[in-house]
């Protein structure tokens, strides 16, 4: 396994490649599929991101099958299910980097800012509202929401043990407008 620092650099390099290309290609040959079926997975990053269909971590970071352990939920909010998935990937797969990847123009963040939805969506928007307070800027609210998710992850006792062993948890924002990822939020 690679270090968290090396994994962040791989993601940054992959994003630069993604932004500079007009097409994406990935090896999905029968040999590759058979390799991962027989040998398991060794992802270098865990990415928790929104379910938004415009946000595809494997493409955004120009990653291949087996490179990224992706957890998707609208608004990239964190609950026990996501924490369990993170603990699995960090503890059992040896992945040393967790990235909470928010994005611009997030519908869940917009709903939290502008609406009070009913039904199960309310569980998501209520979590986002806790994170963003009275913030009305889409971008600032997305950043606050990512930072809250990072805090929740880091408060997990299991994650704290993994952090002592080299795990790193970071936040980032994907910009739909130009495809870049900002890790400096």
C-alpha atoms as a PDB file:
ATOM      1  CA  UNK A   1       0.000   0.000   0.000  1.00  0.00           C
ATOM      2  CA  UNK A   2       1.074   3.533  -0.633  1.00  0.00           C
ATOM      3  CA  UNK A   3       1.150   6.347   1.904  1.00  0.00           C
ATOM      4  CA  UNK A   4      -1.600   8.950   2.192  1.00  0.00           C
ATOM      5  CA  UNK A   5       0.779  11.576   0.790  1.00  0.00           C
ATOM      6  CA  UNK A   6       1.520   9.416  -2.251  1.00  0.00           C
ATOM      7  CA  UNK A   7      -2.188   8.700  -2.723  1.00  0.00           C
ATOM      8  CA  UNK A   8      -3.061  12.421  -2.676  1.00  0.00           C
ATOM      9  CA  UNK A   9      -0.396  13.061  -5.302  1.00  0.00           C
ATOM     10  CA  UNK A  10      -1.796  10.219  -7.449  1.00  0.00           C
ATOM     11  CA  UNK A  11      -5.254  11.770  -7.222  1.00  0.00           C
ATOM     12  CA  UNK A  12      -3.914  15.218  -8.111  1.00  0.00           C
ATOM     13  CA  UNK A  13      -1.946  13.834 -11.065  1.00  0.00           C
ATOM     14  CA  UNK A  14      -4.988  11.867 -12.222  1.00  0.00           C
ATOM     15  CA  UNK A  15      -7.187  14.956 -12.002  1.00  0.00           C
ATOM     16  CA  UNK A  16      -4.673  16.965 -14.040  1.00  0.00           C
ATOM     17  CA  UNK A  17      -4.775  14.237 -16.693  1.00  0.00           C
ATOM     18  CA  UNK A  18      -8.590  14.189 -16.597  1.00  0.00           C
ATOM     19  CA  UNK A  19      -8.783  17.947 -17.102  1.00  0.00           C
ATOM     20  CA  UNK A  20      -6.259  17.898 -19.964  1.00  0.00           C
ATOM     21  CA  UNK A  21      -7.941  15.096 -21.972  1.00  0.00           C
ATOM     22  CA  UNK A  22     -11.123  14.994 -24.024  1.00  0.00           C
ATOM     23  CA  UNK A  23     -11.619  11.262 -23.594  1.00  0.00           C
ATOM     24  CA  UNK A  24     -11.241   8.643 -20.884  1.00  0.00           C
ATOM     25  CA  UNK A  25     -10.078   5.108 -21.356  1.00  0.00           C
ATOM     26  CA  UNK A  26      -9.673   2.330 -18.828  1.00  0.00           C
ATOM     27  CA  UNK A  27      -8.576  -1.278 -19.062  1.00  0.00           C
ATOM     28  CA  UNK A  28     -11.678  -3.412 -18.640  1.00  0.00           C
ATOM     29  CA  UNK A  29     -10.281  -6.421 -20.448  1.00  0.00           C
ATOM     30  CA  UNK A  30     -11.247  -9.913 -19.381  1.00  0.00           C
ATOM     31  CA  UNK A  31      -7.715 -10.356 -17.996  1.00  0.00           C
ATOM     32  CA  UNK A  32      -8.071  -7.291 -15.773  1.00  0.00           C
ATOM     33  CA  UNK A  33     -11.499  -8.341 -14.557  1.00  0.00           C
ATOM     34  CA  UNK A  34     -10.234 -11.857 -13.865  1.00  0.00           C
ATOM     35  CA  UNK A  35      -7.197 -10.468 -12.005  1.00  0.00           C
ATOM     36  CA  UNK A  36      -9.360  -8.483  -9.584  1.00  0.00           C
ATOM     37  CA  UNK A  37     -11.853 -11.334  -9.218  1.00  0.00           C
ATOM     38  CA  UNK A  38      -9.028 -13.692  -8.237  1.00  0.00           C
ATOM     39  CA  UNK A  39      -6.784 -11.314  -6.283  1.00  0.00           C
ATOM     40  CA  UNK A  40      -9.166  -8.925  -4.534  1.00  0.00           C
ATOM     41  CA  UNK A  41      -8.782  -5.183  -4.361  1.00  0.00           C
ATOM     42  CA  UNK A  42      -6.074  -2.828  -3.132  1.00  0.00           C
ATOM     43  CA  UNK A  43      -7.476   0.685  -3.541  1.00  0.00           C
ATOM     44  CA  UNK A  44      -5.073   3.530  -2.811  1.00  0.00           C
ATOM     45  CA  UNK A  45      -7.868   5.940  -1.800  1.00  0.00           C
ATOM     46  CA  UNK A  46     -11.298   5.883  -0.188  1.00  0.00           C
ATOM     47  CA  UNK A  47     -13.519   8.576  -1.716  1.00  0.00           C
ATOM     48  CA  UNK A  48     -16.813   9.554  -0.118  1.00  0.00           C
ATOM     49  CA  UNK A  49     -18.729  11.646  -2.591  1.00  0.00           C
ATOM     50  CA  UNK A  50     -22.172  12.741  -3.651  1.00  0.00           C
ATOM     51  CA  UNK A  51     -24.459  10.470  -5.667  1.00  0.00           C
ATOM     52  CA  UNK A  52     -24.680  13.193  -8.336  1.00  0.00           C
ATOM     53  CA  UNK A  53     -24.322  11.532 -11.742  1.00  0.00           C
ATOM     54  CA  UNK A  54     -21.924  14.272 -12.873  1.00  0.00           C
ATOM     55  CA  UNK A  55     -19.419  13.361 -10.154  1.00  0.00           C
ATOM     56  CA  UNK A  56     -17.583  10.158 -11.098  1.00  0.00           C
ATOM     57  CA  UNK A  57     -14.474   9.757  -8.920  1.00  0.00           C
ATOM     58  CA  UNK A  58     -12.850   7.090 -11.091  1.00  0.00           C
ATOM     59  CA  UNK A  59     -12.978   9.439 -14.055  1.00  0.00           C
ATOM     60  CA  UNK A  60     -12.247  12.656 -12.177  1.00  0.00           C
ATOM     61  CA  UNK A  61      -9.035  11.080 -10.863  1.00  0.00           C
ATOM     62  CA  UNK A  62      -8.334   9.088 -14.039  1.00  0.00           C
ATOM     63  CA  UNK A  63      -8.345   5.899 -11.981  1.00  0.00           C
ATOM     64  CA  UNK A  64      -8.728   2.295 -13.037  1.00  0.00           C
ATOM     65  CA  UNK A  65     -10.645  -0.662 -11.662  1.00  0.00           C
ATOM     66  CA  UNK A  66      -9.427  -1.394  -8.139  1.00  0.00           C
ATOM     67  CA  UNK A  67      -7.835   2.030  -7.557  1.00  0.00           C
ATOM     68  CA  UNK A  68     -10.561   3.849  -5.601  1.00  0.00           C
ATOM     69  CA  UNK A  69     -12.957   2.554  -2.944  1.00  0.00           C
ATOM     70  CA  UNK A  70     -15.953   4.784  -3.661  1.00  0.00           C
ATOM     71  CA  UNK A  71     -18.772   5.488  -1.200  1.00  0.00           C
ATOM     72  CA  UNK A  72     -21.618   7.537  -2.631  1.00  0.00           C
ATOM     73  CA  UNK A  73     -24.499   9.238  -0.854  1.00  0.00           C
ATOM     74  CA  UNK A  74     -26.395  12.390  -1.761  1.00  0.00           C
ATOM     75  CA  UNK A  75     -24.677  15.401  -0.230  1.00  0.00           C
ATOM     76  CA  UNK A  76     -21.664  13.272   0.837  1.00  0.00           C
ATOM     77  CA  UNK A  77     -23.087  13.144   4.361  1.00  0.00           C
ATOM     78  CA  UNK A  78     -21.695  10.663   6.873  1.00  0.00           C
ATOM     79  CA  UNK A  79     -23.614   8.230   9.030  1.00  0.00           C
ATOM     80  CA  UNK A  80     -22.879   4.820  10.524  1.00  0.00           C
ATOM     81  CA  UNK A  81     -23.112   3.085   7.138  1.00  0.00           C
ATOM     82  CA  UNK A  82     -20.450   5.270   5.582  1.00  0.00           C
ATOM     83  CA  UNK A  83     -18.257   4.997   8.686  1.00  0.00           C
ATOM     84  CA  UNK A  84     -18.518   1.215   8.539  1.00  0.00           C
ATOM     85  CA  UNK A  85     -17.508   1.246   4.883  1.00  0.00           C
ATOM     86  CA  UNK A  86     -14.546   3.517   5.623  1.00  0.00           C
ATOM     87  CA  UNK A  87     -13.450   1.316   8.515  1.00  0.00           C
ATOM     88  CA  UNK A  88     -13.639  -1.727   6.234  1.00  0.00           C
ATOM     89  CA  UNK A  89     -11.507  -0.181   3.497  1.00  0.00           C
ATOM     90  CA  UNK A  90      -8.958   1.270   5.920  1.00  0.00           C
ATOM     91  CA  UNK A  91      -8.773  -1.718   8.243  1.00  0.00           C
ATOM     92  CA  UNK A  92      -9.178  -4.670   5.892  1.00  0.00           C
ATOM     93  CA  UNK A  93      -7.863  -3.325   2.596  1.00  0.00           C
ATOM     94  CA  UNK A  94      -5.069  -1.200   4.067  1.00  0.00           C
ATOM     95  CA  UNK A  95      -6.093   2.029   2.327  1.00  0.00           C
ATOM     96  CA  UNK A  96      -4.353   5.049   3.891  1.00  0.00           C
ATOM     97  CA  UNK A  97      -6.302   7.966   2.432  1.00  0.00           C
ATOM     98  CA  UNK A  98      -9.910   9.064   2.914  1.00  0.00           C
ATOM     99  CA  UNK A  99     -11.169  11.919   0.737  1.00  0.00           C
ATOM    100  CA  UNK A 100     -14.536  13.574   1.310  1.00  0.00           C
ATOM    101  CA  UNK A 101     -15.282  14.983  -2.134  1.00  0.00           C
ATOM    102  CA  UNK A 102     -17.994  17.620  -2.297  1.00  0.00           C
ATOM    103  CA  UNK A 103     -18.829  19.495  -5.473  1.00  0.00           C
ATOM    104  CA  UNK A 104     -20.173  22.758  -6.801  1.00  0.00           C
ATOM    105  CA  UNK A 105     -23.845  23.010  -7.741  1.00  0.00           C
ATOM    106  CA  UNK A 106     -24.771  20.185  -5.366  1.00  0.00           C
ATOM    107  CA  UNK A 107     -28.522  19.600  -5.358  1.00  0.00           C
ATOM    108  CA  UNK A 108     -28.515  18.338  -1.778  1.00  0.00           C
ATOM    109  CA  UNK A 109     -26.640  21.413  -0.550  1.00  0.00           C
ATOM    110  CA  UNK A 110     -28.978  23.641  -2.598  1.00  0.00           C
ATOM    111  CA  UNK A 111     -31.990  21.900  -1.064  1.00  0.00           C
ATOM    112  CA  UNK A 112     -30.576  22.471   2.417  1.00  0.00           C
ATOM    113  CA  UNK A 113     -30.032  26.160   1.664  1.00  0.00           C
ATOM    114  CA  UNK A 114     -33.312  26.885  -0.135  1.00  0.00           C
ATOM    115  CA  UNK A 115     -35.907  24.294   0.892  1.00  0.00           C
ATOM    116  CA  UNK A 116     -37.255  22.206   3.724  1.00  0.00           C
ATOM    117  CA  UNK A 117     -37.944  18.894   1.979  1.00  0.00           C
ATOM    118  CA  UNK A 118     -40.159  16.103   3.269  1.00  0.00           C
ATOM    119  CA  UNK A 119     -39.598  12.376   3.270  1.00  0.00           C
ATOM    120  CA  UNK A 120     -36.247  10.674   3.509  1.00  0.00           C
ATOM    121  CA  UNK A 121     -34.474  13.567   1.767  1.00  0.00           C
ATOM    122  CA  UNK A 122     -34.972  15.494   5.004  1.00  0.00           C
ATOM    123  CA  UNK A 123     -32.457  13.184   6.742  1.00  0.00           C
ATOM    124  CA  UNK A 124     -29.817  14.360   4.265  1.00  0.00           C
ATOM    125  CA  UNK A 125     -30.710  18.046   4.222  1.00  0.00           C
ATOM    126  CA  UNK A 126     -30.949  18.176   8.027  1.00  0.00           C
ATOM    127  CA  UNK A 127     -27.356  16.903   8.257  1.00  0.00           C
ATOM    128  CA  UNK A 128     -26.213  19.466   5.709  1.00  0.00           C
ATOM    129  CA  UNK A 129     -28.069  22.258   7.544  1.00  0.00           C
ATOM    130  CA  UNK A 130     -26.164  21.354  10.726  1.00  0.00           C
ATOM    131  CA  UNK A 131     -22.927  21.708   8.784  1.00  0.00           C
ATOM    132  CA  UNK A 132     -23.653  24.948   6.942  1.00  0.00           C
ATOM    133  CA  UNK A 133     -25.686  26.938   9.450  1.00  0.00           C
ATOM    134  CA  UNK A 134     -27.061  30.039   7.749  1.00  0.00           C
ATOM    135  CA  UNK A 135     -24.543  30.026   4.861  1.00  0.00           C
ATOM    136  CA  UNK A 136     -26.207  30.932   1.548  1.00  0.00           C
ATOM    137  CA  UNK A 137     -23.247  30.694  -0.828  1.00  0.00           C
ATOM    138  CA  UNK A 138     -23.374  27.384  -2.714  1.00  0.00           C
ATOM    139  CA  UNK A 139     -19.585  27.033  -2.767  1.00  0.00           C
ATOM    140  CA  UNK A 140     -19.015  28.018   0.869  1.00  0.00           C
ATOM    141  CA  UNK A 141     -21.841  25.727   1.988  1.00  0.00           C
ATOM    142  CA  UNK A 142     -20.342  22.814   0.015  1.00  0.00           C
ATOM    143  CA  UNK A 143     -16.971  23.440   1.715  1.00  0.00           C
ATOM    144  CA  UNK A 144     -18.579  23.616   5.182  1.00  0.00           C
ATOM    145  CA  UNK A 145     -20.458  20.392   4.475  1.00  0.00           C
ATOM    146  CA  UNK A 146     -17.233  18.614   3.440  1.00  0.00           C
ATOM    147  CA  UNK A 147     -15.432  19.866   6.548  1.00  0.00           C
ATOM    148  CA  UNK A 148     -18.278  18.586   8.758  1.00  0.00           C
ATOM    149  CA  UNK A 149     -18.059  15.150   7.140  1.00  0.00           C
ATOM    150  CA  UNK A 150     -14.287  15.120   7.712  1.00  0.00           C
ATOM    151  CA  UNK A 151     -14.870  15.951  11.401  1.00  0.00           C
ATOM    152  CA  UNK A 152     -17.428  13.163  11.751  1.00  0.00           C
ATOM    153  CA  UNK A 153     -15.052  10.643  10.187  1.00  0.00           C
ATOM    154  CA  UNK A 154     -12.166  11.756  12.381  1.00  0.00           C
ATOM    155  CA  UNK A 155     -14.330  11.436  15.507  1.00  0.00           C
ATOM    156  CA  UNK A 156     -14.712   7.689  14.946  1.00  0.00           C
ATOM    157  CA  UNK A 157     -12.582   5.757  17.438  1.00  0.00           C
ATOM    158  CA  UNK A 158     -11.670   3.151  14.826  1.00  0.00           C
ATOM    159  CA  UNK A 159     -10.632   5.862  12.354  1.00  0.00           C
ATOM    160  CA  UNK A 160      -8.552   7.531  15.093  1.00  0.00           C
ATOM    161  CA  UNK A 161      -6.665   4.248  15.565  1.00  0.00           C
ATOM    162  CA  UNK A 162      -6.098   4.046  11.816  1.00  0.00           C
ATOM    163  CA  UNK A 163      -4.905   7.675  11.762  1.00  0.00           C
ATOM    164  CA  UNK A 164      -2.266   6.770  14.317  1.00  0.00           C
ATOM    165  CA  UNK A 165      -1.129   4.081  11.863  1.00  0.00           C
ATOM    166  CA  UNK A 166      -0.886   6.499   8.905  1.00  0.00           C
ATOM    167  CA  UNK A 167      -4.436   7.039   7.662  1.00  0.00           C
ATOM    168  CA  UNK A 168      -5.204  10.604   6.586  1.00  0.00           C
ATOM    169  CA  UNK A 169      -8.657  12.166   6.124  1.00  0.00           C
ATOM    170  CA  UNK A 170      -8.935  15.186   3.811  1.00  0.00           C
ATOM    171  CA  UNK A 171     -11.653  17.226   2.167  1.00  0.00           C
ATOM    172  CA  UNK A 172     -11.833  18.419  -1.421  1.00  0.00           C
ATOM    173  CA  UNK A 173     -14.245  20.113  -3.805  1.00  0.00           C
ATOM    174  CA  UNK A 174     -14.848  19.052  -7.403  1.00  0.00           C
ATOM    175  CA  UNK A 175     -15.719  21.977  -9.651  1.00  0.00           C
ATOM    176  CA  UNK A 176     -18.318  20.912 -12.201  1.00  0.00           C
ATOM    177  CA  UNK A 177     -17.526  23.994 -14.259  1.00  0.00           C
ATOM    178  CA  UNK A 178     -13.989  22.986 -15.219  1.00  0.00           C
ATOM    179  CA  UNK A 179     -13.378  19.479 -13.833  1.00  0.00           C
ATOM    180  CA  UNK A 180     -10.701  20.486 -11.335  1.00  0.00           C
ATOM    181  CA  UNK A 181     -10.488  19.252  -7.756  1.00  0.00           C
ATOM    182  CA  UNK A 182      -9.433  21.676  -5.020  1.00  0.00           C
ATOM    183  CA  UNK A 183      -7.757  19.979  -2.072  1.00  0.00           C
ATOM    184  CA  UNK A 184      -6.982  23.347  -0.460  1.00  0.00           C
ATOM    185  CA  UNK A 185     -10.332  24.045   1.112  1.00  0.00           C
END
